N, C-alpha and C. Protein backbone atom coordinates (compact mmCIF):
# COMPACT_ATOMS: atom_id res chain seq x y z
N MET A 1 -23.85 -5.62 -1.01
CA MET A 1 -22.76 -5.41 -1.93
C MET A 1 -22.94 -6.27 -3.17
N VAL A 2 -22.42 -5.79 -4.27
CA VAL A 2 -22.41 -6.57 -5.50
C VAL A 2 -21.39 -7.69 -5.32
N ASN A 3 -21.71 -8.85 -5.83
CA ASN A 3 -20.81 -9.98 -5.73
C ASN A 3 -19.49 -9.64 -6.44
N GLN A 4 -18.38 -9.69 -5.70
CA GLN A 4 -17.08 -9.29 -6.24
C GLN A 4 -16.28 -10.46 -6.81
N LYS A 5 -16.89 -11.63 -6.94
CA LYS A 5 -16.15 -12.75 -7.53
C LYS A 5 -15.72 -12.37 -8.93
N ASN A 6 -14.51 -12.74 -9.25
CA ASN A 6 -13.98 -12.40 -10.57
C ASN A 6 -13.04 -13.50 -11.06
N LYS A 7 -12.58 -13.35 -12.29
CA LYS A 7 -11.70 -14.34 -12.92
C LYS A 7 -10.28 -13.81 -13.11
N ILE A 8 -9.90 -12.81 -12.36
CA ILE A 8 -8.58 -12.21 -12.56
C ILE A 8 -7.47 -13.26 -12.42
N LYS A 9 -7.50 -14.00 -11.34
CA LYS A 9 -6.44 -14.98 -11.09
C LYS A 9 -6.39 -16.01 -12.22
N ARG A 10 -7.53 -16.55 -12.61
CA ARG A 10 -7.55 -17.55 -13.67
C ARG A 10 -7.04 -16.97 -14.99
N LEU A 11 -7.49 -15.78 -15.33
CA LEU A 11 -7.04 -15.15 -16.58
C LEU A 11 -5.54 -14.87 -16.54
N ARG A 12 -5.07 -14.42 -15.38
CA ARG A 12 -3.64 -14.14 -15.22
C ARG A 12 -2.82 -15.42 -15.37
N GLU A 13 -3.26 -16.48 -14.70
CA GLU A 13 -2.53 -17.75 -14.77
C GLU A 13 -2.55 -18.34 -16.18
N GLU A 14 -3.68 -18.21 -16.89
CA GLU A 14 -3.76 -18.70 -18.27
C GLU A 14 -2.74 -18.02 -19.18
N ARG A 15 -2.37 -16.81 -18.81
CA ARG A 15 -1.39 -16.07 -19.61
C ARG A 15 0.03 -16.22 -19.08
N GLY A 16 0.20 -17.02 -18.04
CA GLY A 16 1.52 -17.28 -17.49
C GLY A 16 2.13 -16.09 -16.80
N ILE A 17 1.31 -15.22 -16.23
CA ILE A 17 1.79 -14.02 -15.55
C ILE A 17 1.67 -14.24 -14.05
N SER A 18 2.73 -13.94 -13.32
CA SER A 18 2.66 -14.07 -11.86
C SER A 18 1.86 -12.91 -11.29
N SER A 19 1.36 -13.10 -10.09
CA SER A 19 0.60 -12.05 -9.40
C SER A 19 1.48 -10.82 -9.21
N ARG A 20 2.74 -11.05 -8.83
CA ARG A 20 3.68 -9.96 -8.61
C ARG A 20 3.95 -9.20 -9.91
N ALA A 21 4.08 -9.92 -11.04
CA ALA A 21 4.33 -9.27 -12.33
C ALA A 21 3.13 -8.44 -12.77
N LEU A 22 1.93 -8.97 -12.55
CA LEU A 22 0.74 -8.21 -12.91
C LEU A 22 0.61 -6.98 -12.02
N ALA A 23 0.89 -7.13 -10.74
CA ALA A 23 0.85 -5.99 -9.82
C ALA A 23 1.81 -4.91 -10.29
N LYS A 24 3.02 -5.31 -10.68
CA LYS A 24 4.01 -4.34 -11.14
C LYS A 24 3.52 -3.63 -12.41
N LYS A 25 2.94 -4.40 -13.32
CA LYS A 25 2.42 -3.84 -14.56
C LYS A 25 1.30 -2.84 -14.29
N LEU A 26 0.52 -3.09 -13.22
CA LEU A 26 -0.59 -2.21 -12.86
C LEU A 26 -0.17 -1.07 -11.94
N GLY A 27 1.07 -1.12 -11.48
CA GLY A 27 1.56 -0.08 -10.58
C GLY A 27 0.98 -0.18 -9.19
N THR A 28 0.80 -1.41 -8.72
CA THR A 28 0.25 -1.62 -7.38
C THR A 28 1.08 -2.68 -6.66
N SER A 29 0.73 -2.94 -5.43
CA SER A 29 1.47 -3.93 -4.63
C SER A 29 0.92 -5.34 -4.87
N ALA A 30 1.73 -6.31 -4.53
CA ALA A 30 1.30 -7.71 -4.61
C ALA A 30 0.14 -7.96 -3.65
N ALA A 31 0.16 -7.29 -2.50
CA ALA A 31 -0.93 -7.45 -1.53
C ALA A 31 -2.24 -6.92 -2.10
N GLN A 32 -2.18 -5.76 -2.76
CA GLN A 32 -3.40 -5.21 -3.37
C GLN A 32 -3.89 -6.11 -4.49
N MET A 33 -2.97 -6.66 -5.26
CA MET A 33 -3.34 -7.57 -6.33
C MET A 33 -4.06 -8.78 -5.76
N SER A 34 -3.57 -9.30 -4.66
CA SER A 34 -4.20 -10.44 -3.99
C SER A 34 -5.63 -10.09 -3.54
N ARG A 35 -5.78 -8.88 -2.97
CA ARG A 35 -7.12 -8.45 -2.52
C ARG A 35 -8.08 -8.30 -3.69
N LEU A 36 -7.58 -7.79 -4.82
CA LEU A 36 -8.43 -7.65 -6.00
C LEU A 36 -8.83 -9.01 -6.55
N GLU A 37 -7.86 -9.92 -6.64
CA GLU A 37 -8.14 -11.26 -7.16
C GLU A 37 -9.14 -12.02 -6.28
N SER A 38 -9.03 -11.86 -4.98
CA SER A 38 -9.91 -12.59 -4.06
C SER A 38 -11.26 -11.92 -3.87
N GLY A 39 -11.42 -10.70 -4.36
CA GLY A 39 -12.68 -9.98 -4.20
C GLY A 39 -12.77 -9.23 -2.89
N LYS A 40 -11.68 -9.20 -2.12
CA LYS A 40 -11.69 -8.47 -0.85
C LYS A 40 -11.61 -6.97 -1.05
N SER A 41 -11.04 -6.53 -2.18
CA SER A 41 -11.04 -5.12 -2.57
C SER A 41 -12.00 -4.96 -3.74
N ALA A 42 -12.78 -3.91 -3.69
CA ALA A 42 -13.77 -3.67 -4.74
C ALA A 42 -13.11 -3.35 -6.07
N LEU A 43 -13.73 -3.85 -7.12
CA LEU A 43 -13.27 -3.53 -8.47
C LEU A 43 -13.97 -2.25 -8.91
N SER A 44 -13.21 -1.19 -9.01
CA SER A 44 -13.73 0.09 -9.48
C SER A 44 -13.59 0.13 -10.99
N VAL A 45 -14.13 1.19 -11.58
CA VAL A 45 -13.97 1.40 -13.03
C VAL A 45 -12.49 1.37 -13.38
N LYS A 46 -11.69 2.10 -12.61
CA LYS A 46 -10.25 2.18 -12.86
C LYS A 46 -9.62 0.79 -12.89
N TRP A 47 -9.92 -0.02 -11.88
CA TRP A 47 -9.32 -1.36 -11.81
C TRP A 47 -9.79 -2.26 -12.94
N ILE A 48 -11.07 -2.25 -13.23
CA ILE A 48 -11.58 -3.11 -14.30
C ILE A 48 -10.90 -2.77 -15.62
N LEU A 49 -10.80 -1.49 -15.93
CA LEU A 49 -10.18 -1.08 -17.19
C LEU A 49 -8.68 -1.39 -17.22
N LYS A 50 -7.99 -1.12 -16.12
CA LYS A 50 -6.55 -1.39 -16.07
C LYS A 50 -6.25 -2.89 -16.19
N ILE A 51 -7.00 -3.70 -15.45
CA ILE A 51 -6.75 -5.15 -15.46
C ILE A 51 -7.11 -5.75 -16.82
N SER A 52 -8.24 -5.35 -17.38
CA SER A 52 -8.63 -5.92 -18.68
C SER A 52 -7.60 -5.53 -19.75
N ALA A 53 -7.07 -4.30 -19.69
CA ALA A 53 -6.04 -3.90 -20.65
C ALA A 53 -4.75 -4.68 -20.43
N ALA A 54 -4.35 -4.84 -19.16
CA ALA A 54 -3.10 -5.55 -18.86
C ALA A 54 -3.17 -7.02 -19.27
N LEU A 55 -4.35 -7.62 -19.14
CA LEU A 55 -4.50 -9.03 -19.50
C LEU A 55 -5.00 -9.21 -20.94
N ASN A 56 -5.28 -8.08 -21.61
CA ASN A 56 -5.77 -8.11 -22.99
C ASN A 56 -7.04 -8.94 -23.13
N VAL A 57 -8.02 -8.65 -22.26
CA VAL A 57 -9.32 -9.32 -22.31
C VAL A 57 -10.42 -8.27 -22.23
N PRO A 58 -11.60 -8.57 -22.76
CA PRO A 58 -12.72 -7.64 -22.59
C PRO A 58 -13.09 -7.52 -21.11
N SER A 59 -13.56 -6.36 -20.73
CA SER A 59 -13.87 -6.11 -19.31
C SER A 59 -14.91 -7.06 -18.76
N ASN A 60 -15.87 -7.50 -19.58
CA ASN A 60 -16.89 -8.41 -19.06
C ASN A 60 -16.30 -9.77 -18.68
N GLU A 61 -15.14 -10.12 -19.23
CA GLU A 61 -14.51 -11.39 -18.87
C GLU A 61 -13.92 -11.35 -17.46
N ILE A 62 -13.55 -10.16 -16.99
CA ILE A 62 -13.00 -10.04 -15.64
C ILE A 62 -14.03 -10.54 -14.62
N MET A 63 -15.30 -10.16 -14.84
CA MET A 63 -16.37 -10.56 -13.94
C MET A 63 -17.12 -11.78 -14.45
N ASP A 64 -16.73 -12.32 -15.59
CA ASP A 64 -17.38 -13.47 -16.21
C ASP A 64 -18.87 -13.20 -16.42
N LEU A 65 -19.16 -12.07 -17.06
CA LEU A 65 -20.55 -11.71 -17.31
C LEU A 65 -21.01 -12.25 -18.66
N PRO A 66 -22.14 -12.94 -18.64
CA PRO A 66 -22.69 -13.45 -19.91
C PRO A 66 -23.47 -12.35 -20.62
N LEU A 67 -22.79 -11.57 -21.44
CA LEU A 67 -23.46 -10.48 -22.16
C LEU A 67 -24.19 -11.00 -23.38
N GLU A 68 -25.21 -10.25 -23.80
CA GLU A 68 -25.90 -10.60 -25.03
C GLU A 68 -24.88 -10.62 -26.16
N LYS A 69 -25.06 -11.53 -27.09
CA LYS A 69 -24.09 -11.69 -28.18
C LYS A 69 -23.88 -10.40 -28.97
N LYS A 70 -24.94 -9.58 -29.12
CA LYS A 70 -24.78 -8.36 -29.91
C LYS A 70 -23.81 -7.38 -29.26
N PHE A 71 -23.63 -7.45 -27.93
CA PHE A 71 -22.69 -6.57 -27.26
C PHE A 71 -21.28 -7.15 -27.28
N SER A 72 -21.16 -8.46 -27.14
CA SER A 72 -19.85 -9.04 -26.93
C SER A 72 -18.91 -8.89 -28.12
N SER A 73 -19.44 -8.81 -29.33
CA SER A 73 -18.55 -8.74 -30.48
C SER A 73 -18.31 -7.31 -30.98
N THR A 74 -19.20 -6.39 -30.67
CA THR A 74 -19.07 -5.06 -31.25
C THR A 74 -18.96 -3.95 -30.21
N CYS A 75 -18.84 -4.28 -28.95
CA CYS A 75 -18.94 -3.24 -27.93
C CYS A 75 -17.64 -2.47 -27.73
N ASP A 76 -17.81 -1.26 -27.21
CA ASP A 76 -16.70 -0.41 -26.79
C ASP A 76 -16.34 -0.89 -25.38
N ASP A 77 -15.21 -1.56 -25.26
CA ASP A 77 -14.86 -2.17 -23.98
C ASP A 77 -14.68 -1.15 -22.86
N ASN A 78 -14.19 0.04 -23.18
CA ASN A 78 -14.04 1.06 -22.14
C ASN A 78 -15.40 1.49 -21.60
N LEU A 79 -16.37 1.66 -22.48
CA LEU A 79 -17.71 2.04 -22.05
C LEU A 79 -18.36 0.92 -21.23
N LEU A 80 -18.23 -0.30 -21.70
CA LEU A 80 -18.79 -1.43 -20.97
C LEU A 80 -18.10 -1.60 -19.62
N GLY A 81 -16.79 -1.46 -19.59
CA GLY A 81 -16.05 -1.57 -18.33
C GLY A 81 -16.45 -0.47 -17.36
N SER A 82 -16.68 0.72 -17.88
CA SER A 82 -17.13 1.82 -17.02
C SER A 82 -18.50 1.54 -16.46
N ALA A 83 -19.42 1.07 -17.30
CA ALA A 83 -20.77 0.75 -16.82
C ALA A 83 -20.71 -0.32 -15.74
N LEU A 84 -19.93 -1.34 -15.96
CA LEU A 84 -19.77 -2.41 -14.98
C LEU A 84 -19.16 -1.88 -13.69
N GLY A 85 -18.11 -1.10 -13.80
CA GLY A 85 -17.46 -0.54 -12.61
C GLY A 85 -18.38 0.35 -11.82
N TRP A 86 -19.17 1.18 -12.50
CA TRP A 86 -20.09 2.06 -11.78
C TRP A 86 -21.19 1.27 -11.10
N LEU A 87 -21.65 0.19 -11.73
CA LEU A 87 -22.63 -0.66 -11.07
C LEU A 87 -22.04 -1.28 -9.80
N LEU A 88 -20.80 -1.74 -9.89
CA LEU A 88 -20.14 -2.33 -8.72
C LEU A 88 -19.96 -1.30 -7.61
N GLU A 89 -19.53 -0.10 -7.98
CA GLU A 89 -19.34 0.96 -6.99
C GLU A 89 -20.67 1.35 -6.35
N ALA A 90 -21.72 1.48 -7.17
CA ALA A 90 -23.03 1.84 -6.64
C ALA A 90 -23.57 0.72 -5.75
N GLY A 91 -23.33 -0.51 -6.15
CA GLY A 91 -23.76 -1.65 -5.31
C GLY A 91 -23.08 -1.62 -3.96
N ASP A 92 -21.80 -1.30 -3.94
CA ASP A 92 -21.09 -1.18 -2.66
C ASP A 92 -21.67 -0.04 -1.83
N GLN A 93 -21.92 1.08 -2.47
CA GLN A 93 -22.44 2.24 -1.74
C GLN A 93 -23.83 1.98 -1.17
N TYR A 94 -24.70 1.36 -1.96
CA TYR A 94 -26.07 1.15 -1.53
C TYR A 94 -26.29 -0.22 -0.88
N LYS A 95 -25.22 -1.00 -0.76
CA LYS A 95 -25.29 -2.34 -0.15
C LYS A 95 -26.28 -3.24 -0.88
N VAL A 96 -26.16 -3.25 -2.22
CA VAL A 96 -27.01 -4.08 -3.07
C VAL A 96 -26.17 -5.23 -3.61
N LYS A 97 -26.66 -6.44 -3.47
CA LYS A 97 -25.95 -7.61 -3.98
C LYS A 97 -26.73 -8.17 -5.17
N LEU A 98 -26.05 -8.32 -6.29
CA LEU A 98 -26.68 -8.83 -7.50
C LEU A 98 -26.01 -10.11 -7.97
N LYS A 99 -26.79 -11.00 -8.56
CA LYS A 99 -26.23 -12.19 -9.20
C LYS A 99 -25.62 -11.76 -10.53
N ARG A 100 -24.72 -12.59 -11.05
CA ARG A 100 -24.02 -12.28 -12.29
C ARG A 100 -24.97 -11.98 -13.45
N GLN A 101 -26.02 -12.79 -13.60
CA GLN A 101 -26.94 -12.59 -14.71
C GLN A 101 -27.65 -11.24 -14.61
N VAL A 102 -28.01 -10.83 -13.40
CA VAL A 102 -28.68 -9.55 -13.20
C VAL A 102 -27.70 -8.41 -13.43
N LEU A 103 -26.48 -8.55 -12.93
CA LEU A 103 -25.44 -7.55 -13.16
C LEU A 103 -25.18 -7.41 -14.66
N SER A 104 -25.13 -8.53 -15.36
CA SER A 104 -24.92 -8.53 -16.80
C SER A 104 -26.05 -7.80 -17.52
N LYS A 105 -27.28 -8.07 -17.10
CA LYS A 105 -28.44 -7.42 -17.70
C LYS A 105 -28.36 -5.90 -17.55
N TRP A 106 -28.04 -5.45 -16.34
CA TRP A 106 -27.98 -4.01 -16.10
C TRP A 106 -26.79 -3.36 -16.80
N ALA A 107 -25.66 -4.04 -16.86
CA ALA A 107 -24.51 -3.50 -17.59
C ALA A 107 -24.85 -3.35 -19.07
N GLY A 108 -25.52 -4.35 -19.63
CA GLY A 108 -25.96 -4.28 -21.02
C GLY A 108 -26.95 -3.16 -21.26
N TYR A 109 -27.86 -2.99 -20.32
CA TYR A 109 -28.85 -1.92 -20.43
C TYR A 109 -28.17 -0.54 -20.41
N ILE A 110 -27.27 -0.35 -19.46
CA ILE A 110 -26.56 0.93 -19.37
C ILE A 110 -25.74 1.18 -20.63
N TYR A 111 -25.07 0.15 -21.10
CA TYR A 111 -24.28 0.28 -22.33
C TYR A 111 -25.17 0.72 -23.48
N LYS A 112 -26.30 0.04 -23.65
CA LYS A 112 -27.23 0.35 -24.74
C LYS A 112 -27.73 1.79 -24.63
N GLU A 113 -28.11 2.21 -23.44
CA GLU A 113 -28.59 3.58 -23.25
C GLU A 113 -27.49 4.60 -23.55
N ALA A 114 -26.29 4.31 -23.11
CA ALA A 114 -25.17 5.24 -23.33
C ALA A 114 -24.88 5.41 -24.82
N VAL A 115 -25.01 4.34 -25.58
CA VAL A 115 -24.73 4.39 -27.01
C VAL A 115 -25.89 5.04 -27.76
N GLU A 116 -27.11 4.65 -27.44
CA GLU A 116 -28.27 5.12 -28.19
C GLU A 116 -28.64 6.57 -27.91
N GLN A 117 -28.40 7.06 -26.69
CA GLN A 117 -28.87 8.40 -26.34
C GLN A 117 -28.12 9.51 -27.06
N PRO A 118 -26.89 9.66 -27.22
CA PRO A 118 -25.79 9.10 -26.42
C PRO A 118 -25.63 9.86 -25.10
N LEU A 119 -25.12 9.14 -24.10
CA LEU A 119 -24.88 9.72 -22.79
C LEU A 119 -23.39 9.97 -22.60
N ASN A 120 -23.04 11.04 -21.92
CA ASN A 120 -21.64 11.24 -21.57
C ASN A 120 -21.32 10.40 -20.33
N SER A 121 -20.08 10.38 -19.90
CA SER A 121 -19.73 9.48 -18.79
C SER A 121 -20.39 9.89 -17.48
N LYS A 122 -20.59 11.17 -17.25
CA LYS A 122 -21.27 11.61 -16.03
C LYS A 122 -22.72 11.11 -16.02
N GLN A 123 -23.39 11.21 -17.15
CA GLN A 123 -24.77 10.73 -17.24
C GLN A 123 -24.85 9.21 -17.13
N THR A 124 -23.88 8.53 -17.72
CA THR A 124 -23.86 7.08 -17.65
C THR A 124 -23.63 6.61 -16.22
N ARG A 125 -22.72 7.27 -15.51
CA ARG A 125 -22.48 6.95 -14.10
C ARG A 125 -23.74 7.20 -13.28
N TYR A 126 -24.40 8.31 -13.52
CA TYR A 126 -25.63 8.64 -12.81
C TYR A 126 -26.69 7.56 -13.03
N LEU A 127 -26.80 7.06 -14.26
CA LEU A 127 -27.75 6.00 -14.58
C LEU A 127 -27.45 4.75 -13.76
N ALA A 128 -26.18 4.35 -13.68
CA ALA A 128 -25.80 3.16 -12.91
C ALA A 128 -26.16 3.32 -11.43
N PHE A 129 -25.85 4.48 -10.88
CA PHE A 129 -26.16 4.72 -9.47
C PHE A 129 -27.67 4.80 -9.23
N THR A 130 -28.41 5.36 -10.17
CA THR A 130 -29.87 5.43 -10.05
C THR A 130 -30.47 4.03 -10.06
N ILE A 131 -29.98 3.18 -10.95
CA ILE A 131 -30.47 1.79 -11.01
C ILE A 131 -30.27 1.11 -9.67
N MET A 132 -29.08 1.22 -9.11
CA MET A 132 -28.80 0.56 -7.83
C MET A 132 -29.64 1.15 -6.68
N LYS A 133 -29.86 2.43 -6.71
CA LYS A 133 -30.69 3.06 -5.68
C LYS A 133 -32.12 2.53 -5.77
N VAL A 134 -32.63 2.45 -6.97
CA VAL A 134 -34.00 1.93 -7.16
C VAL A 134 -34.07 0.46 -6.73
N LEU A 135 -33.06 -0.32 -7.08
CA LEU A 135 -33.04 -1.72 -6.65
C LEU A 135 -33.01 -1.84 -5.12
N LYS A 136 -32.24 -0.97 -4.48
CA LYS A 136 -32.18 -0.99 -3.01
C LYS A 136 -33.54 -0.60 -2.43
N ASP A 137 -34.14 0.46 -2.96
CA ASP A 137 -35.41 0.95 -2.43
C ASP A 137 -36.55 -0.03 -2.67
N SER A 138 -36.44 -0.86 -3.71
CA SER A 138 -37.52 -1.80 -4.01
C SER A 138 -37.34 -3.14 -3.29
N ALA A 139 -36.20 -3.32 -2.64
CA ALA A 139 -35.93 -4.61 -1.95
C ALA A 139 -36.65 -4.68 -0.61
């Protein structure tokens, strides 16, 4: 599995928002919010985008990913969040565990390919899953 450690709790606390208030804002239970914060529940594309919007932070901050500077200031956060979420989902499916730096590298790569090609979301998702499958097969 991809490492599910995240900064949701810290980001939430920095903004003075209770776990229960954030859960309500996201339309989920306090128990689910706790599982997301602790990494016990997987962060999907949906969750990454919803949480980053609710906390008003870029999606890469949720996972504390060190992105290349050229992406961090000019990127489409929805596209980056989707790439990250699909990598996490594919990692769960293929049982691939990546370190933050490697996850960051692949998220940046997918983002770059999606923008330069350009790829639609189905193609971008397929790229993320293909990367994880290749990583699993090469391990």
